[in-house]
Amino acid sequence: MDGEFEFPIYDPFKQFLYNFHSSDVLEAVGTLIGNFGLQLPTGEDIANDSRGPLTVSYEIPQRWNAGISLQVTPKWKWNLDVRWTEWSAFSQIYLDFGVDVPLLMWGNIADLVGTGGKNGISPNSVDYQISLRDVTYWGTGIEYQWSDQLVLRAGYEDRPSAVAEDAPNALIPLNDATLMPIGFGWDLPEDRHIDFAIGHLISETHFPPCSAQLGNGCDPANVVYPSYAGQDIKTKVEVLIFEFGFQQHF
């Protein structure tokens, strides 16, 4: 996926960085680390907000679905669906900025010193690693044939998080979730049919301080991903879903 990016820096912080990078001391440091193939941004790099082409590369996860429907009685029907998604294929998102970004130049050095480059930070790219896992989840529902024209439906779906328990990620707000829908189907004259459903999905997660490497981790060697280092994070996602379908034979 191709596009463009702009990386502005807050003006007071930009001024601080500009003065810092324009000092003689940092110039000497830059010369020293240049001997190791590394490069620091210049004051001019800091003064000009980074912008340029952006290429995002990732793999779309595959999915498998299976289901069964049983007519228990003439009026009652039971449905069961099982779904599997290969979220592990989506565990790495590669961002290629096309040009060197000043803050990423610092991030590259910090990543090399702190983690040996494990976080995939370079002056012009980020190999974003979110460590997802494959997930299997199920849903069940019942249908009641109220009349020859009207069928009533209700269901429940358990959606476990694709975030692995040993690699919590506070940057992904939607984790373990449940979905509860209700709806109906109505046969109309002249071979027409409508379906309507409304569903409520909710997901709540708590990340105590320093519990998630991606989000609020406190490892001093990891300066890239813990955007909210040491903070107590709580997330709550609620979604109200409406679905309407119309069929007409012709």
C-alpha atoms as a PDB file:
ATOM      1  CA  MET A   1       0.000   0.000   0.000  1.00  0.00           C
ATOM      2  CA  ASP A   2       1.516   3.313  -1.114  1.00  0.00           C
ATOM      3  CA  GLY A   3       0.855   6.835   0.116  1.00  0.00           C
ATOM      4  CA  GLU A   4       2.534   9.852   1.669  1.00  0.00           C
ATOM      5  CA  PHE A   5       3.501  10.794   5.206  1.00  0.00           C
ATOM      6  CA  GLU A   6       4.215  13.935   7.192  1.00  0.00           C
ATOM      7  CA  PHE A   7       6.025  13.785  10.532  1.00  0.00           C
ATOM      8  CA  PRO A   8       5.620  17.174  12.294  1.00  0.00           C
ATOM      9  CA  ILE A   9       7.400  17.925  15.580  1.00  0.00           C
ATOM     10  CA  TYR A  10       5.824  20.063  18.315  1.00  0.00           C
ATOM     11  CA  ASP A  11       7.386  23.541  17.966  1.00  0.00           C
ATOM     12  CA  PRO A  12       8.891  23.931  21.494  1.00  0.00           C
ATOM     13  CA  PHE A  13      10.384  20.426  21.275  1.00  0.00           C
ATOM     14  CA  LYS A  14      11.571  21.146  17.741  1.00  0.00           C
ATOM     15  CA  GLN A  15      13.404  24.262  18.968  1.00  0.00           C
ATOM     16  CA  PHE A  16      15.027  22.277  21.763  1.00  0.00           C
ATOM     17  CA  LEU A  17      16.153  19.587  19.326  1.00  0.00           C
ATOM     18  CA  TYR A  18      17.414  22.185  16.845  1.00  0.00           C
ATOM     19  CA  ASN A  19      19.581  23.888  19.482  1.00  0.00           C
ATOM     20  CA  PHE A  20      20.769  20.504  20.734  1.00  0.00           C
ATOM     21  CA  HIS A  21      21.727  19.237  17.279  1.00  0.00           C
ATOM     22  CA  SER A  22      23.445  22.511  16.401  1.00  0.00           C
ATOM     23  CA  SER A  23      25.883  22.276  19.334  1.00  0.00           C
ATOM     24  CA  ASP A  24      29.581  21.581  18.876  1.00  0.00           C
ATOM     25  CA  VAL A  25      29.417  18.688  21.334  1.00  0.00           C
ATOM     26  CA  LEU A  26      26.805  16.812  19.343  1.00  0.00           C
ATOM     27  CA  GLU A  27      28.723  17.489  16.143  1.00  0.00           C
ATOM     28  CA  ALA A  28      31.724  15.732  17.691  1.00  0.00           C
ATOM     29  CA  VAL A  29      29.499  12.840  18.816  1.00  0.00           C
ATOM     30  CA  GLY A  30      28.055  12.588  15.320  1.00  0.00           C
ATOM     31  CA  THR A  31      31.525  12.383  13.847  1.00  0.00           C
ATOM     32  CA  LEU A  32      32.441   9.643  16.318  1.00  0.00           C
ATOM     33  CA  ILE A  33      29.441   7.408  15.700  1.00  0.00           C
ATOM     34  CA  GLY A  34      29.792   8.051  11.965  1.00  0.00           C
ATOM     35  CA  ASN A  35      32.847   5.815  12.149  1.00  0.00           C
ATOM     36  CA  PHE A  36      30.456   2.957  13.015  1.00  0.00           C
ATOM     37  CA  GLY A  37      28.203   3.586  10.028  1.00  0.00           C
ATOM     38  CA  LEU A  38      25.579   5.512  12.039  1.00  0.00           C
ATOM     39  CA  GLN A  39      24.287   9.003  11.366  1.00  0.00           C
ATOM     40  CA  LEU A  40      22.658  11.666  13.521  1.00  0.00           C
ATOM     41  CA  PRO A  41      20.150  14.185  12.132  1.00  0.00           C
ATOM     42  CA  THR A  42      21.413  17.705  11.568  1.00  0.00           C
ATOM     43  CA  GLY A  43      19.811  20.869  12.891  1.00  0.00           C
ATOM     44  CA  GLU A  44      18.469  21.508   9.401  1.00  0.00           C
ATOM     45  CA  ASP A  45      16.884  18.027   9.349  1.00  0.00           C
ATOM     46  CA  ILE A  46      15.098  18.855  12.607  1.00  0.00           C
ATOM     47  CA  ALA A  47      13.936  22.301  11.402  1.00  0.00           C
ATOM     48  CA  ASN A  48      12.243  20.811   8.323  1.00  0.00           C
ATOM     49  CA  ASP A  49       9.342  18.500   9.161  1.00  0.00           C
ATOM     50  CA  SER A  50       9.847  15.123   7.534  1.00  0.00           C
ATOM     51  CA  ARG A  51       7.530  14.289   4.647  1.00  0.00           C
ATOM     52  CA  GLY A  52       7.683  12.017   1.653  1.00  0.00           C
ATOM     53  CA  PRO A  53       6.448   8.741   0.168  1.00  0.00           C
ATOM     54  CA  LEU A  54       5.290   5.915   2.425  1.00  0.00           C
ATOM     55  CA  THR A  55       4.948   2.236   1.575  1.00  0.00           C
ATOM     56  CA  VAL A  56       3.176  -0.095   4.015  1.00  0.00           C
ATOM     57  CA  SER A  57       3.658  -3.840   3.549  1.00  0.00           C
ATOM     58  CA  TYR A  58       1.801  -6.584   5.409  1.00  0.00           C
ATOM     59  CA  GLU A  59       0.248  -9.976   4.838  1.00  0.00           C
ATOM     60  CA  ILE A  60      -3.533 -10.403   4.870  1.00  0.00           C
ATOM     61  CA  PRO A  61      -4.495 -13.266   7.226  1.00  0.00           C
ATOM     62  CA  GLN A  62      -6.440 -16.190   5.790  1.00  0.00           C
ATOM     63  CA  ARG A  63      -9.702 -17.383   7.339  1.00  0.00           C
ATOM     64  CA  TRP A  64     -11.582 -20.656   7.539  1.00  0.00           C
ATOM     65  CA  ASN A  65     -15.251 -20.915   8.447  1.00  0.00           C
ATOM     66  CA  ALA A  66     -17.420 -23.962   9.186  1.00  0.00           C
ATOM     67  CA  GLY A  67     -20.940 -24.286  10.496  1.00  0.00           C
ATOM     68  CA  ILE A  68     -23.865 -26.550  11.172  1.00  0.00           C
ATOM     69  CA  SER A  69     -27.595 -25.897  11.293  1.00  0.00           C
ATOM     70  CA  LEU A  70     -30.033 -28.299  12.949  1.00  0.00           C
ATOM     71  CA  GLN A  71     -33.840 -28.186  12.659  1.00  0.00           C
ATOM     72  CA  VAL A  72     -34.579 -29.319  16.234  1.00  0.00           C
ATOM     73  CA  THR A  73     -38.370 -29.010  15.941  1.00  0.00           C
ATOM     74  CA  PRO A  74     -40.634 -27.655  13.215  1.00  0.00           C
ATOM     75  CA  LYS A  75     -40.388 -24.204  14.843  1.00  0.00           C
ATOM     76  CA  TRP A  76     -36.926 -24.217  16.455  1.00  0.00           C
ATOM     77  CA  LYS A  77     -33.556 -24.234  14.655  1.00  0.00           C
ATOM     78  CA  TRP A  78     -30.057 -24.247  16.211  1.00  0.00           C
ATOM     79  CA  ASN A  79     -26.963 -22.888  14.441  1.00  0.00           C
ATOM     80  CA  LEU A  80     -23.265 -23.245  15.329  1.00  0.00           C
ATOM     81  CA  ASP A  81     -20.339 -21.529  13.548  1.00  0.00           C
ATOM     82  CA  VAL A  82     -16.604 -22.003  14.095  1.00  0.00           C
ATOM     83  CA  ARG A  83     -14.068 -19.587  12.612  1.00  0.00           C
ATOM     84  CA  TRP A  84     -10.275 -19.647  12.459  1.00  0.00           C
ATOM     85  CA  THR A  85      -8.138 -16.644  11.502  1.00  0.00           C
ATOM     86  CA  GLU A  86      -4.385 -16.721  10.864  1.00  0.00           C
ATOM     87  CA  TRP A  87      -3.615 -13.503  12.722  1.00  0.00           C
ATOM     88  CA  SER A  88       0.030 -14.560  13.123  1.00  0.00           C
ATOM     89  CA  ALA A  89       0.496 -13.662   9.441  1.00  0.00           C
ATOM     90  CA  PHE A  90      -0.405 -10.070  10.381  1.00  0.00           C
ATOM     91  CA  SER A  91       2.194  -9.900  13.156  1.00  0.00           C
ATOM     92  CA  GLN A  92       4.601  -7.711  11.214  1.00  0.00           C
ATOM     93  CA  ILE A  93       3.791  -4.445   9.466  1.00  0.00           C
ATOM     94  CA  TYR A  94       6.668  -2.917   7.518  1.00  0.00           C
ATOM     95  CA  LEU A  95       6.676   0.878   7.067  1.00  0.00           C
ATOM     96  CA  ASP A  96       9.096   2.269   4.471  1.00  0.00           C
ATOM     97  CA  PHE A  97       9.229   6.068   4.676  1.00  0.00           C
ATOM     98  CA  GLY A  98      11.426   6.535   1.616  1.00  0.00           C
ATOM     99  CA  VAL A  99      13.528   9.230   3.335  1.00  0.00           C
ATOM    100  CA  ASP A 100      15.421   9.452   6.620  1.00  0.00           C
ATOM    101  CA  VAL A 101      13.243  10.684   9.506  1.00  0.00           C
ATOM    102  CA  PRO A 102      15.199  12.569  12.230  1.00  0.00           C
ATOM    103  CA  LEU A 103      13.482  10.923  15.206  1.00  0.00           C
ATOM    104  CA  LEU A 104      13.845   7.498  13.601  1.00  0.00           C
ATOM    105  CA  MET A 105      17.560   8.165  13.210  1.00  0.00           C
ATOM    106  CA  TRP A 106      17.732   8.513  16.992  1.00  0.00           C
ATOM    107  CA  GLY A 107      15.415   5.519  17.368  1.00  0.00           C
ATOM    108  CA  ASN A 108      17.738   3.430  15.218  1.00  0.00           C
ATOM    109  CA  ILE A 109      20.677   4.159  17.527  1.00  0.00           C
ATOM    110  CA  ALA A 110      18.601   3.560  20.684  1.00  0.00           C
ATOM    111  CA  ASP A 111      17.291   0.275  19.259  1.00  0.00           C
ATOM    112  CA  LEU A 112      20.787  -0.931  18.362  1.00  0.00           C
ATOM    113  CA  VAL A 113      22.172  -0.032  21.788  1.00  0.00           C
ATOM    114  CA  GLY A 114      19.184  -1.210  23.841  1.00  0.00           C
ATOM    115  CA  THR A 115      17.997  -4.339  22.058  1.00  0.00           C
ATOM    116  CA  GLY A 116      20.566  -5.119  19.397  1.00  0.00           C
ATOM    117  CA  GLY A 117      18.120  -4.015  16.701  1.00  0.00           C
ATOM    118  CA  LYS A 118      15.307  -6.400  17.746  1.00  0.00           C
ATOM    119  CA  ASN A 119      12.613  -3.751  17.228  1.00  0.00           C
ATOM    120  CA  GLY A 120      13.467  -3.237  13.559  1.00  0.00           C
ATOM    121  CA  ILE A 121      13.999   0.537  13.646  1.00  0.00           C
ATOM    122  CA  SER A 122      16.114   2.128  10.894  1.00  0.00           C
ATOM    123  CA  PRO A 123      16.482   5.791   9.878  1.00  0.00           C
ATOM    124  CA  ASN A 124      13.857   5.383   7.139  1.00  0.00           C
ATOM    125  CA  SER A 125      11.741   2.379   8.141  1.00  0.00           C
ATOM    126  CA  VAL A 126       9.989   0.568  10.970  1.00  0.00           C
ATOM    127  CA  ASP A 127       9.413  -3.183  11.043  1.00  0.00           C
ATOM    128  CA  TYR A 128       6.468  -2.961  13.452  1.00  0.00           C
ATOM    129  CA  GLN A 129       6.138  -6.242  15.371  1.00  0.00           C
ATOM    130  CA  ILE A 130       2.839  -6.881  17.144  1.00  0.00           C
ATOM    131  CA  SER A 131       3.226 -10.638  17.803  1.00  0.00           C
ATOM    132  CA  LEU A 132      -0.339 -11.798  17.167  1.00  0.00           C
ATOM    133  CA  ARG A 133      -1.496 -15.404  17.425  1.00  0.00           C
ATOM    134  CA  ASP A 134      -3.907 -17.507  15.398  1.00  0.00           C
ATOM    135  CA  VAL A 135      -7.402 -17.517  16.876  1.00  0.00           C
ATOM    136  CA  THR A 136     -10.343 -19.921  16.767  1.00  0.00           C
ATOM    137  CA  TYR A 137     -13.679 -18.623  17.957  1.00  0.00           C
ATOM    138  CA  TRP A 138     -17.248 -19.816  17.883  1.00  0.00           C
ATOM    139  CA  GLY A 139     -20.751 -18.439  17.736  1.00  0.00           C
ATOM    140  CA  THR A 140     -24.134 -19.987  18.315  1.00  0.00           C
ATOM    141  CA  GLY A 141     -27.672 -18.894  17.607  1.00  0.00           C
ATOM    142  CA  ILE A 142     -31.287 -19.979  17.623  1.00  0.00           C
ATOM    143  CA  GLU A 143     -34.175 -19.280  15.265  1.00  0.00           C
ATOM    144  CA  TYR A 144     -37.850 -19.462  16.088  1.00  0.00           C
ATOM    145  CA  GLN A 145     -40.431 -19.675  13.290  1.00  0.00           C
ATOM    146  CA  TRP A 146     -43.071 -17.341  14.674  1.00  0.00           C
ATOM    147  CA  SER A 147     -45.281 -17.664  11.604  1.00  0.00           C
ATOM    148  CA  ASP A 148     -45.054 -18.660   7.964  1.00  0.00           C
ATOM    149  CA  GLN A 149     -43.662 -15.190   7.202  1.00  0.00           C
ATOM    150  CA  LEU A 150     -41.703 -14.249  10.348  1.00  0.00           C
ATOM    151  CA  VAL A 151     -38.619 -15.859  11.926  1.00  0.00           C
ATOM    152  CA  LEU A 152     -36.991 -14.508  15.113  1.00  0.00           C
ATOM    153  CA  ARG A 153     -33.257 -14.888  15.802  1.00  0.00           C
ATOM    154  CA  ALA A 154     -30.837 -14.465  18.723  1.00  0.00           C
ATOM    155  CA  GLY A 155     -27.186 -15.382  19.121  1.00  0.00           C
ATOM    156  CA  TYR A 156     -23.965 -15.232  21.095  1.00  0.00           C
ATOM    157  CA  GLU A 157     -20.367 -15.087  19.861  1.00  0.00           C
ATOM    158  CA  ASP A 158     -17.175 -15.385  21.886  1.00  0.00           C
ATOM    159  CA  ARG A 159     -14.232 -13.566  20.302  1.00  0.00           C
ATOM    160  CA  PRO A 160     -10.900 -14.216  22.068  1.00  0.00           C
ATOM    161  CA  SER A 161      -8.107 -11.735  21.492  1.00  0.00           C
ATOM    162  CA  ALA A 162      -5.430 -12.335  18.865  1.00  0.00           C
ATOM    163  CA  VAL A 163      -2.914 -10.774  21.271  1.00  0.00           C
ATOM    164  CA  ALA A 164      -0.823 -13.496  22.914  1.00  0.00           C
ATOM    165  CA  GLU A 165      -0.960 -13.662  26.709  1.00  0.00           C
ATOM    166  CA  ASP A 166       2.835 -13.657  26.955  1.00  0.00           C
ATOM    167  CA  ALA A 167       3.083 -10.548  24.720  1.00  0.00           C
ATOM    168  CA  PRO A 168       0.356  -8.110  25.877  1.00  0.00           C
ATOM    169  CA  ASN A 169      -0.210  -5.117  23.610  1.00  0.00           C
ATOM    170  CA  ALA A 170      -1.791  -2.006  25.080  1.00  0.00           C
ATOM    171  CA  LEU A 171      -1.773  -0.314  21.656  1.00  0.00           C
ATOM    172  CA  ILE A 172      -4.569  -2.631  20.432  1.00  0.00           C
ATOM    173  CA  PRO A 173      -7.797  -1.558  22.177  1.00  0.00           C
ATOM    174  CA  LEU A 174      -9.956  -4.491  21.019  1.00  0.00           C
ATOM    175  CA  ASN A 175      -9.069  -7.666  22.913  1.00  0.00           C
ATOM    176  CA  ASP A 176     -11.305 -10.428  24.319  1.00  0.00           C
ATOM    177  CA  ALA A 177     -14.842  -9.532  23.247  1.00  0.00           C
ATOM    178  CA  THR A 178     -18.389 -10.864  23.210  1.00  0.00           C
ATOM    179  CA  LEU A 179     -21.049 -10.181  20.585  1.00  0.00           C
ATOM    180  CA  MET A 180     -24.768 -10.603  21.282  1.00  0.00           C
ATOM    181  CA  PRO A 181     -27.133 -10.034  18.332  1.00  0.00           C
ATOM    182  CA  ILE A 182     -30.894 -10.310  17.864  1.00  0.00           C
ATOM    183  CA  GLY A 183     -32.907  -9.995  14.672  1.00  0.00           C
ATOM    184  CA  PHE A 184     -35.652 -11.262  12.423  1.00  0.00           C
ATOM    185  CA  GLY A 185     -36.409 -12.351   8.882  1.00  0.00           C
ATOM    186  CA  TRP A 186     -39.671 -11.441   7.125  1.00  0.00           C
ATOM    187  CA  ASP A 187     -41.087 -12.889   3.929  1.00  0.00           C
ATOM    188  CA  LEU A 188     -42.939 -10.308   1.847  1.00  0.00           C
ATOM    189  CA  PRO A 189     -45.287 -10.790  -1.106  1.00  0.00           C
ATOM    190  CA  GLU A 190     -43.919 -11.271  -4.634  1.00  0.00           C
ATOM    191  CA  ASP A 191     -40.865 -13.304  -3.512  1.00  0.00           C
ATOM    192  CA  ARG A 192     -39.339 -10.487  -1.514  1.00  0.00           C
ATOM    193  CA  HIS A 193     -37.573 -10.961   1.803  1.00  0.00           C
ATOM    194  CA  ILE A 194     -35.939  -8.704   4.412  1.00  0.00           C
ATOM    195  CA  ASP A 195     -33.477  -9.496   7.211  1.00  0.00           C
ATOM    196  CA  PHE A 196     -32.693  -7.177  10.095  1.00  0.00           C
ATOM    197  CA  ALA A 197     -30.291  -7.584  13.029  1.00  0.00           C
ATOM    198  CA  ILE A 198     -28.821  -5.490  15.797  1.00  0.00           C
ATOM    199  CA  GLY A 199     -25.797  -6.570  17.813  1.00  0.00           C
ATOM    200  CA  HIS A 200     -23.826  -5.298  20.791  1.00  0.00           C
ATOM    201  CA  LEU A 201     -20.071  -5.995  21.040  1.00  0.00           C
ATOM    202  CA  ILE A 202     -18.039  -5.120  24.112  1.00  0.00           C
ATOM    203  CA  SER A 203     -14.358  -5.522  25.011  1.00  0.00           C
ATOM    204  CA  GLU A 204     -12.688  -4.345  28.242  1.00  0.00           C
ATOM    205  CA  THR A 205      -8.995  -4.687  29.117  1.00  0.00           C
ATOM    206  CA  HIS A 206      -6.772  -3.498  31.952  1.00  0.00           C
ATOM    207  CA  PHE A 207      -2.997  -3.107  31.589  1.00  0.00           C
ATOM    208  CA  PRO A 208      -1.363  -2.368  34.973  1.00  0.00           C
ATOM    209  CA  PRO A 209       1.797  -0.207  34.866  1.00  0.00           C
ATOM    210  CA  CYS A 210       4.746  -1.849  33.115  1.00  0.00           C
ATOM    211  CA  SER A 211       2.708  -4.919  32.090  1.00  0.00           C
ATOM    212  CA  ALA A 212       2.701  -4.509  28.282  1.00  0.00           C
ATOM    213  CA  GLN A 213       5.944  -4.293  26.330  1.00  0.00           C
ATOM    214  CA  LEU A 214       3.972  -2.653  23.510  1.00  0.00           C
ATOM    215  CA  GLY A 215       2.281   0.239  25.262  1.00  0.00           C
ATOM    216  CA  ASN A 216       3.289   0.836  28.876  1.00  0.00           C
ATOM    217  CA  GLY A 217       6.423  -1.286  29.354  1.00  0.00           C
ATOM    218  CA  CYS A 218       9.199  -0.043  31.657  1.00  0.00           C
ATOM    219  CA  ASP A 219      12.250  -1.720  30.134  1.00  0.00           C
ATOM    220  CA  PRO A 220      14.818   1.119  29.836  1.00  0.00           C
ATOM    221  CA  ALA A 221      16.437  -0.678  26.897  1.00  0.00           C
ATOM    222  CA  ASN A 222      13.211  -0.519  24.891  1.00  0.00           C
ATOM    223  CA  VAL A 223      12.604   3.131  23.976  1.00  0.00           C
ATOM    224  CA  VAL A 224      10.515   2.590  20.846  1.00  0.00           C
ATOM    225  CA  TYR A 225       7.211   0.865  21.563  1.00  0.00           C
ATOM    226  CA  PRO A 226       6.199   1.821  25.146  1.00  0.00           C
ATOM    227  CA  SER A 227       4.495   5.096  24.200  1.00  0.00           C
ATOM    228  CA  TYR A 228       2.849   5.278  27.651  1.00  0.00           C
ATOM    229  CA  ALA A 229       5.699   3.875  29.758  1.00  0.00           C
ATOM    230  CA  GLY A 230       4.721   3.134  33.346  1.00  0.00           C
ATOM    231  CA  GLN A 231       1.118   4.304  32.991  1.00  0.00           C
ATOM    232  CA  ASP A 232      -1.984   2.402  34.081  1.00  0.00           C
ATOM    233  CA  ILE A 233      -4.070   1.763  30.948  1.00  0.00           C
ATOM    234  CA  LYS A 234      -7.706   0.695  30.744  1.00  0.00           C
ATOM    235  CA  THR A 235      -9.531   0.232  27.451  1.00  0.00           C
ATOM    236  CA  LYS A 236     -13.201  -0.262  26.731  1.00  0.00           C
ATOM    237  CA  VAL A 237     -14.625  -0.717  23.249  1.00  0.00           C
ATOM    238  CA  GLU A 238     -18.384  -0.890  22.636  1.00  0.00           C
ATOM    239  CA  VAL A 239     -19.841  -1.328  19.175  1.00  0.00           C
ATOM    240  CA  LEU A 240     -23.496  -1.248  18.177  1.00  0.00           C
ATOM    241  CA  ILE A 241     -23.983  -3.122  14.905  1.00  0.00           C
ATOM    242  CA  PHE A 242     -26.959  -2.762  12.574  1.00  0.00           C
ATOM    243  CA  GLU A 243     -27.526  -5.045   9.614  1.00  0.00           C
ATOM    244  CA  PHE A 244     -30.270  -4.897   7.010  1.00  0.00           C
ATOM    245  CA  GLY A 245     -30.726  -7.079   3.949  1.00  0.00           C
ATOM    246  CA  PHE A 246     -33.284  -7.127   1.159  1.00  0.00           C
ATOM    247  CA  GLN A 247     -33.861  -9.877  -1.412  1.00  0.00           C
ATOM    248  CA  GLN A 248     -35.947  -9.706  -4.560  1.00  0.00           C
ATOM    249  CA  HIS A 249     -36.253 -12.548  -7.031  1.00  0.00           C
ATOM    250  CA  PHE A 250     -36.344 -11.559 -10.683  1.00  0.00           C
END
